[in-house]
Protein backbone atom coordinates (compact mmCIF):
# COMPACT_ATOMS: atom_id res chain seq x y z
CA GLY A 1 91.78 84.58 -67.17
CA THR A 2 94.83 83.62 -69.56
CA ASP A 3 92.98 85.24 -72.57
CA PHE A 4 91.90 88.37 -70.76
CA SER A 5 93.02 91.51 -72.28
CA ILE A 6 92.52 95.20 -71.89
CA ASP A 7 89.69 95.17 -74.51
CA SER A 8 87.89 92.30 -72.94
CA LEU A 9 85.86 94.54 -70.66
CA PRO A 10 82.53 95.83 -72.28
CA LEU A 11 82.02 99.54 -71.71
CA PRO A 12 80.09 101.52 -70.69
CA ARG A 13 79.02 99.55 -67.79
CA LYS A 14 75.72 99.92 -66.06
CA ASP A 15 75.06 99.36 -62.53
CA TYR A 16 73.38 96.19 -63.18
CA HIS A 17 76.21 94.72 -65.55
CA ASP A 18 77.82 91.70 -63.98
CA TRP A 19 81.47 90.81 -64.91
CA ALA A 20 82.69 87.02 -64.40
CA LEU A 21 86.02 85.97 -64.16
CA PHE A 22 87.05 82.18 -64.87
CA HIS A 23 90.92 81.56 -64.29
CA GLU A 24 92.08 78.01 -63.68
CA GLU A 25 95.61 78.48 -65.30
CA SER A 26 99.04 79.33 -64.04
CA PRO A 27 99.32 82.77 -62.51
CA LYS A 28 102.28 83.52 -64.87
CA ASN A 29 99.95 83.66 -67.59
CA ASN A 30 98.26 87.14 -66.84
CA TYR A 31 99.98 89.02 -63.92
CA LYS A 32 97.34 92.19 -64.21
CA LEU A 33 94.68 89.98 -62.78
CA PHE A 34 96.24 89.64 -59.43
CA HIS A 35 96.20 93.09 -58.37
CA LYS A 36 93.46 94.77 -56.49
CA PRO A 37 92.49 97.41 -59.08
CA THR A 38 91.79 94.71 -61.48
CA ILE A 39 90.43 91.72 -59.63
CA THR A 40 87.98 93.81 -57.76
CA LEU A 41 86.27 94.68 -61.02
CA PHE A 42 84.71 91.56 -61.33
CA ASN A 43 81.58 90.52 -59.48
CA HIS A 44 81.67 86.32 -59.90
CA THR A 45 85.05 84.50 -59.90
CA ALA A 46 86.08 80.92 -60.51
CA THR A 47 89.81 80.47 -59.55
CA PHE A 48 92.22 78.16 -57.83
CA SER A 49 91.81 80.34 -54.75
CA HIS A 50 89.69 78.59 -52.21
CA HIS A 51 88.54 82.06 -51.35
CA SER A 52 86.65 82.60 -54.68
CA HIS A 53 82.94 82.06 -55.42
CA LEU A 54 83.72 78.60 -57.18
CA PRO A 55 87.06 77.44 -55.85
CA LEU A 56 89.01 75.23 -58.43
CA THR A 57 91.86 74.29 -56.01
CA THR A 58 91.27 70.49 -56.62
CA GLN A 59 90.79 70.97 -60.44
CA TYR A 60 93.64 68.37 -61.10
CA LEU A 61 92.27 65.77 -58.57
CA ASP A 62 89.83 63.44 -60.08
CA GLY A 63 88.60 62.14 -56.60
CA VAL A 64 89.86 60.61 -53.41
CA GLY A 65 89.62 57.15 -55.00
CA VAL A 66 92.65 57.67 -57.00
CA LEU A 67 94.78 58.85 -53.88
CA LYS A 68 93.79 55.49 -52.21
CA SER A 69 94.38 53.43 -55.30
CA LEU A 70 97.53 50.95 -55.18
CA ARG A 71 97.13 50.39 -58.99
CA TYR A 72 100.60 52.04 -59.68
CA MET A 73 102.29 51.16 -56.20
CA ILE A 74 105.56 49.47 -56.48
CA PRO A 75 106.65 47.48 -53.37
CA LEU A 76 109.66 49.08 -51.53
CA GLN A 77 111.96 46.07 -51.96
CA MET A 78 111.56 46.51 -55.62
CA LYS A 79 112.14 50.19 -55.52
CA ASN A 80 115.30 49.56 -53.57
CA SER A 81 116.45 47.13 -56.23
CA LEU A 82 115.60 49.82 -59.00
CA ARG A 83 117.99 52.26 -57.08
CA LYS A 84 120.95 50.45 -58.84
CA ARG A 85 120.07 52.17 -61.99
CA LEU A 86 117.83 54.91 -61.00
CA ALA A 87 118.36 57.97 -59.05
CA PRO A 88 116.25 58.47 -55.77
CA LEU A 89 114.79 61.60 -57.12
CA VAL A 90 113.01 62.18 -60.60
CA TYR A 91 112.31 65.88 -61.99
CA VAL A 92 110.24 66.02 -65.32
CA GLN A 93 109.62 69.73 -66.51
CA SER A 94 109.90 71.18 -70.09
CA ASP A 95 108.62 74.64 -68.95
CA CYS A 96 112.02 76.11 -68.08
CA ASN A 97 113.03 78.96 -65.83
CA PRO A 98 109.38 79.80 -64.73
CA PRO A 99 108.57 82.73 -61.96
CA SER A 100 109.05 79.92 -59.17
CA ASP A 101 112.74 79.67 -60.01
CA ARG A 102 112.39 76.04 -59.63
CA ASP A 103 115.14 75.12 -62.03
CA SER A 104 117.71 77.16 -59.95
CA TYR A 105 116.85 75.05 -56.91
CA VAL A 106 117.03 71.58 -58.63
CA ARG A 107 120.25 72.75 -60.19
CA GLU A 108 121.63 73.53 -56.82
CA LEU A 109 120.17 70.21 -55.42
CA MET A 110 121.78 68.15 -58.24
CA CYS A 111 125.10 69.29 -56.69
CA HIS A 112 124.32 67.28 -53.48
CA ILE A 113 122.17 64.38 -54.71
CA GLU A 114 121.34 62.32 -57.83
CA VAL A 115 118.32 63.59 -59.75
CA ASP A 116 116.99 61.86 -63.00
CA SER A 117 115.60 64.80 -65.00
CA TYR A 118 113.46 63.67 -68.12
CA GLY A 119 112.18 66.89 -69.33
CA LYS A 120 113.71 69.74 -71.25
CA CYS A 121 114.79 71.45 -68.25
CA LEU A 122 118.29 70.29 -66.74
CA HIS A 123 117.71 67.11 -68.91
CA ASN A 124 119.98 64.39 -68.36
CA ARG A 125 118.01 61.17 -68.97
CA ASP A 126 115.83 60.22 -71.92
CA LEU A 127 112.13 59.07 -71.97
CA PRO A 128 111.01 56.43 -74.46
CA GLN A 129 110.47 58.43 -77.78
CA HIS A 130 106.51 57.79 -77.71
CA LEU A 131 106.60 59.42 -74.14
CA ARG A 132 108.37 62.67 -75.06
CA ASN A 133 105.32 64.75 -76.18
CA PRO A 134 103.75 66.70 -73.45
CA ALA A 135 100.35 64.92 -74.17
CA ALA A 136 101.98 61.70 -73.00
CA MET A 137 102.05 62.99 -69.29
CA ASP A 138 98.84 60.96 -68.73
CA ASP A 139 100.00 57.90 -70.49
CA GLU A 140 99.92 54.92 -68.25
CA ASN A 141 103.63 53.92 -69.19
CA PHE A 142 104.79 57.31 -68.21
CA HIS A 143 103.26 56.70 -64.87
CA LYS A 144 104.76 53.39 -64.52
CA ILE A 145 108.21 54.87 -65.37
CA LEU A 146 107.58 57.58 -62.49
CA ALA A 147 106.17 55.07 -59.91
CA GLN A 148 109.71 53.21 -59.87
CA TYR A 149 111.28 56.25 -58.04
CA LYS A 150 111.05 56.75 -54.33
CA PHE A 151 110.57 60.68 -54.43
CA ILE A 152 109.36 62.94 -57.20
CA LEU A 153 110.29 66.75 -57.33
CA ALA A 154 106.95 68.36 -57.27
CA PHE A 155 107.55 72.03 -58.05
CA GLU A 156 104.90 74.52 -59.39
CA ASN A 157 105.50 77.06 -61.87
CA ALA A 158 104.57 79.89 -59.70
CA ILE A 159 104.01 80.43 -56.03
CA CYS A 160 100.59 81.34 -55.01
CA GLU A 161 98.26 80.34 -52.23
CA ASP A 162 96.08 77.31 -53.28
CA TYR A 163 97.83 77.18 -56.79
CA ILE A 164 98.13 73.48 -56.68
CA THR A 165 98.47 71.32 -59.85
CA GLU A 166 99.01 67.70 -60.96
CA LYS A 167 102.71 68.12 -59.83
CA LEU A 168 101.42 67.28 -56.33
CA TRP A 169 98.52 65.02 -57.05
CA ARG A 170 100.57 62.69 -59.46
CA PRO A 171 103.04 61.39 -57.09
CA LEU A 172 100.33 60.83 -54.47
CA LYS A 173 98.39 58.80 -56.96
CA LEU A 174 101.53 56.74 -57.95
CA GLY A 175 102.79 55.96 -54.52
CA VAL A 176 105.68 58.01 -54.76
CA VAL A 177 106.61 60.70 -52.22
CA PRO A 178 106.46 64.34 -53.38
CA VAL A 179 108.99 66.73 -52.63
CA TYR A 180 107.00 69.77 -52.97
CA PHE A 181 107.55 73.42 -53.58
CA GLY A 182 104.55 75.60 -54.51
CA SER A 183 101.55 76.85 -52.62
CA PRO A 184 101.99 77.97 -49.03
CA SER A 185 98.79 76.46 -48.15
CA VAL A 186 99.62 73.07 -49.48
CA VAL A 187 99.49 71.69 -45.80
CA ASP A 188 95.41 72.30 -46.09
CA TRP A 189 95.19 69.88 -48.89
CA LEU A 190 97.34 67.04 -48.34
CA PRO A 191 95.88 63.75 -47.57
CA SER A 192 97.67 63.25 -44.37
CA ASN A 193 100.04 65.10 -42.08
CA LYS A 194 102.92 63.00 -43.29
CA SER A 195 102.32 62.45 -47.02
CA ALA A 196 104.93 65.06 -48.69
CA ILE A 197 108.27 66.55 -48.13
CA LEU A 198 108.13 70.32 -48.17
CA VAL A 199 111.03 72.02 -49.66
CA SER A 200 110.03 75.25 -47.52
CA SER A 201 111.17 73.11 -44.26
CA PHE A 202 114.67 73.32 -45.34
CA SER A 203 116.97 76.20 -45.63
CA HIS A 204 119.24 74.99 -48.38
CA PRO A 205 118.96 72.23 -51.15
CA ARG A 206 122.02 70.41 -49.25
CA GLU A 207 119.93 69.88 -46.19
CA LEU A 208 117.02 68.52 -48.44
CA ALA A 209 119.50 66.35 -50.00
CA HIS A 210 120.79 65.11 -46.63
CA TYR A 211 117.31 64.30 -45.51
CA ILE A 212 116.29 62.34 -48.63
CA LYS A 213 119.51 60.39 -48.50
CA THR A 214 118.50 59.45 -44.96
CA LEU A 215 115.22 58.43 -45.92
CA ASP A 216 116.68 56.48 -48.98
CA LYS A 217 118.63 54.36 -46.50
CA ASN A 218 115.97 53.92 -43.89
CA ASP A 219 112.95 51.73 -45.03
CA GLN A 220 110.84 52.25 -42.02
CA GLU A 221 111.20 56.12 -42.11
CA TYR A 222 110.48 56.29 -45.76
CA GLU A 223 107.45 54.21 -45.57
CA SER A 224 106.16 56.53 -42.95
CA TYR A 225 105.31 58.68 -45.85
CA LEU A 226 103.54 56.14 -47.65
CA GLN A 227 101.46 54.67 -44.64
CA TRP A 228 98.34 56.69 -45.41
CA LYS A 229 98.17 55.30 -48.81
CA LEU A 230 99.14 51.75 -47.87
CA LYS A 231 96.11 51.69 -45.19
CA GLY A 232 93.79 53.91 -47.49
CA ASP A 233 93.37 56.52 -44.87
CA ILE A 234 93.05 60.01 -45.79
CA SER A 235 92.83 61.91 -42.59
CA ASN A 236 92.64 65.46 -43.80
CA PRO A 237 88.84 66.58 -42.94
CA ARG A 238 89.08 69.67 -45.14
CA LEU A 239 90.16 67.70 -48.35
CA LEU A 240 87.52 64.99 -47.61
CA THR A 241 84.84 67.60 -47.21
CA VAL A 242 85.77 69.75 -50.26
CA MET A 243 85.77 66.70 -52.48
CA LYS A 244 82.58 65.39 -51.10
CA GLU A 245 80.87 68.71 -51.68
CA ARG A 246 82.40 69.79 -54.96
CA LYS A 247 79.56 70.49 -57.36
CA TRP A 248 81.85 69.64 -60.43
CA GLY A 249 83.77 66.59 -61.64
CA VAL A 250 86.98 65.87 -63.34
CA GLN A 251 86.88 63.65 -66.41
CA ASP A 252 83.63 62.31 -64.87
CA ILE A 253 80.62 61.94 -67.64
CA THR A 254 78.12 61.91 -64.72
CA GLN A 255 78.80 65.33 -63.40
CA ASP A 256 79.32 68.78 -65.00
CA ASN A 257 82.48 70.27 -65.58
CA TYR A 258 83.60 73.19 -63.70
CA ILE A 259 83.00 75.56 -66.76
CA ASP A 260 79.64 74.57 -67.01
CA THR A 261 79.17 74.68 -63.08
CA PHE A 262 80.45 78.26 -63.13
CA GLU A 263 78.34 79.40 -66.03
CA CYS A 264 75.07 77.96 -64.08
CA MET A 265 76.35 79.75 -60.90
CA VAL A 266 76.27 83.08 -62.49
CA CYS A 267 73.10 82.39 -64.43
CA ASN A 268 71.45 81.29 -61.12
CA ARG A 269 72.65 84.56 -59.30
CA VAL A 270 71.43 86.69 -62.41
CA TRP A 271 68.01 84.98 -62.15
CA GLU A 272 67.73 85.58 -58.43
CA ASN A 273 68.23 89.29 -58.96
CA ILE A 274 65.43 89.27 -61.57
CA ARG A 275 63.14 87.74 -59.05
CA ARG A 276 64.14 90.08 -56.25
CA LYS A 277 63.29 92.88 -58.72
CA GLU A 278 60.09 91.52 -59.35
CA LYS A 279 59.04 91.43 -55.61
CA GLY A 280 60.36 95.03 -55.11
CA TRP A 281 63.73 94.00 -53.18
CA LEU A 282 66.99 95.33 -53.64
CA PRO A 283 69.30 93.19 -55.77
CA LYS A 284 72.02 91.10 -53.98
CA ARG A 285 75.59 92.36 -54.97
CA TRP A 286 78.64 90.01 -55.42
CA LYS A 287 82.13 91.26 -55.62
CA ALA A 288 85.52 89.68 -55.96
CA GLN A 289 87.97 90.38 -53.24
CA VAL A 290 91.45 90.62 -53.37
CA ASN A 291 92.25 87.28 -52.09
CA HIS A 292 90.19 85.67 -54.86
CA LEU A 293 93.19 85.74 -57.04
CA SER A 294 96.25 87.03 -55.30
CA CYS A 295 99.94 86.17 -55.79
CA PRO A 296 103.03 87.75 -54.36
CA LYS A 297 105.99 89.10 -56.25
CA PRO A 298 108.13 86.16 -57.74
CA GLU A 299 111.34 85.85 -55.62
CA ALA A 300 114.62 84.10 -56.42
CA PHE A 301 116.29 81.49 -54.35
CA GLN A 302 119.15 83.19 -52.01
CA PHE A 303 122.00 80.76 -53.18
CA SER A 304 123.69 81.29 -56.45
CA SER A 305 126.90 79.23 -56.69
CA SER A 306 125.54 77.22 -59.41
CA ASN A 307 123.54 79.76 -61.02
CA PRO A 308 125.69 82.70 -62.10
CA GLY A 309 124.70 85.74 -63.98
CA ARG A 310 121.21 87.24 -64.44
CA THR A 311 118.36 84.71 -64.64
CA SER A 312 114.98 84.91 -66.29
CA LEU A 313 113.55 85.71 -63.01
CA GLN A 314 115.56 88.92 -62.89
CA GLU A 315 115.36 89.55 -66.71
CA MET A 316 111.60 88.88 -67.19
CA TRP A 317 109.28 87.68 -64.34
CA ILE A 318 110.03 90.38 -61.84
CA PRO A 319 109.92 93.33 -64.18
CA SER A 320 106.88 91.67 -65.71
CA PHE A 321 104.96 91.55 -62.28
CA GLU A 322 106.10 95.10 -61.48
CA GLN A 323 104.82 96.44 -64.88
CA SER A 324 101.47 94.56 -64.17
CA LYS A 325 100.79 96.78 -61.27
CA LYS A 326 100.92 99.88 -63.28
CA GLU A 327 98.67 98.14 -65.87
CA ALA A 328 96.17 97.09 -63.38
CA TRP A 329 96.06 100.73 -62.11
CA ALA A 330 95.68 102.10 -65.61
CA LEU A 331 93.01 99.73 -66.64
CA ARG A 332 90.89 100.56 -63.43
CA HIS A 333 91.40 104.32 -64.15
CA LEU A 334 90.02 103.81 -67.76
CA VAL A 335 87.23 101.42 -66.61
CA GLU A 336 85.94 103.87 -64.06
CA ARG A 337 85.86 106.71 -66.79
CA ASN A 338 83.10 104.22 -68.07
CA ARG A 339 83.69 104.80 -71.68
CA ASN A 340 85.76 102.74 -74.35
CA PHE A 341 89.46 103.41 -74.71
CA THR A 342 92.13 102.82 -77.19
CA ALA A 343 95.08 100.69 -76.51
CA GLN A 344 97.35 104.05 -76.98
CA GLU A 345 95.59 105.69 -74.06
CA PHE A 346 95.97 102.48 -71.86
CA TRP A 347 99.84 102.36 -72.63
CA MET A 348 100.19 105.98 -72.15
CA LEU A 349 98.82 105.70 -68.62
CA VAL A 350 100.81 102.66 -67.81
CA PHE A 351 104.24 104.38 -68.91
CA LYS A 352 103.36 107.70 -67.40
CA GLU A 353 105.84 109.12 -65.01
């Protein structure tokens, strides 16, 4: 999906030509795919949406075992002692100013509570030299540093239903409480009803800061967010069912990966129609729906006291999203014409008044 471009679609298209879309990466990488005129061109989909033909919603979760594991868990008494030199909250982002506007929120939050920020965004604390490369995000020593904290700011780079990344799963693995901002459907995927703090529950960062401070001072209330892990009790039946029935694995040599699984799914569907044709039956038709890959327009947070001037959201992401609507319409128009087209034809349609 990220690599999809206007010349990716083979034309002319026969009635029996199926198109498949695999898009597991950030929505911000290719906005034109998120509009009805484009997504409904495809027959088979594998996306982060649970509505797609092969849902990849749990692509960053190895299995329920890593959620239950206490491998990185640090006792609360030790975390309280570490608070003498660590902030209650940690933030690690180096992809700054994405469509979710997360840096604006965290910048404001920092006015009300201490946050240790190790990444390039809002940086105020250094990681050891060997852990500063993005490739080190899966390093055991990096995990041990994060595990010392009580709370991790887990903010996605884009806000879409079911777009859930390692930003959520990592703190849950480490025994740290995630303060989550991202998918509106995240509650459908959490291990228990009380395993994360949702930013959307608070009207302003100062209210979130007040709540974090309250939990920081109250061991019993804080540990209520970790009871599921301490007991090894994942009570979300949906998460358990999805993980049990998932046909692919993550970093598991005993299972196919999701790319192979998607290719096999499409292949099986094609062969099914070949057999149906041999029997004189009508072929099955599959078609992508809008909810297979749908994201709303990026929005800025409503406070601005610590974020003066125009942001990258206003300068780039919102205009990009609006233009992508025109690109989706133009692409659909040219595809329905069912013959090859030039980039010039495409862009003339996009900017046609």
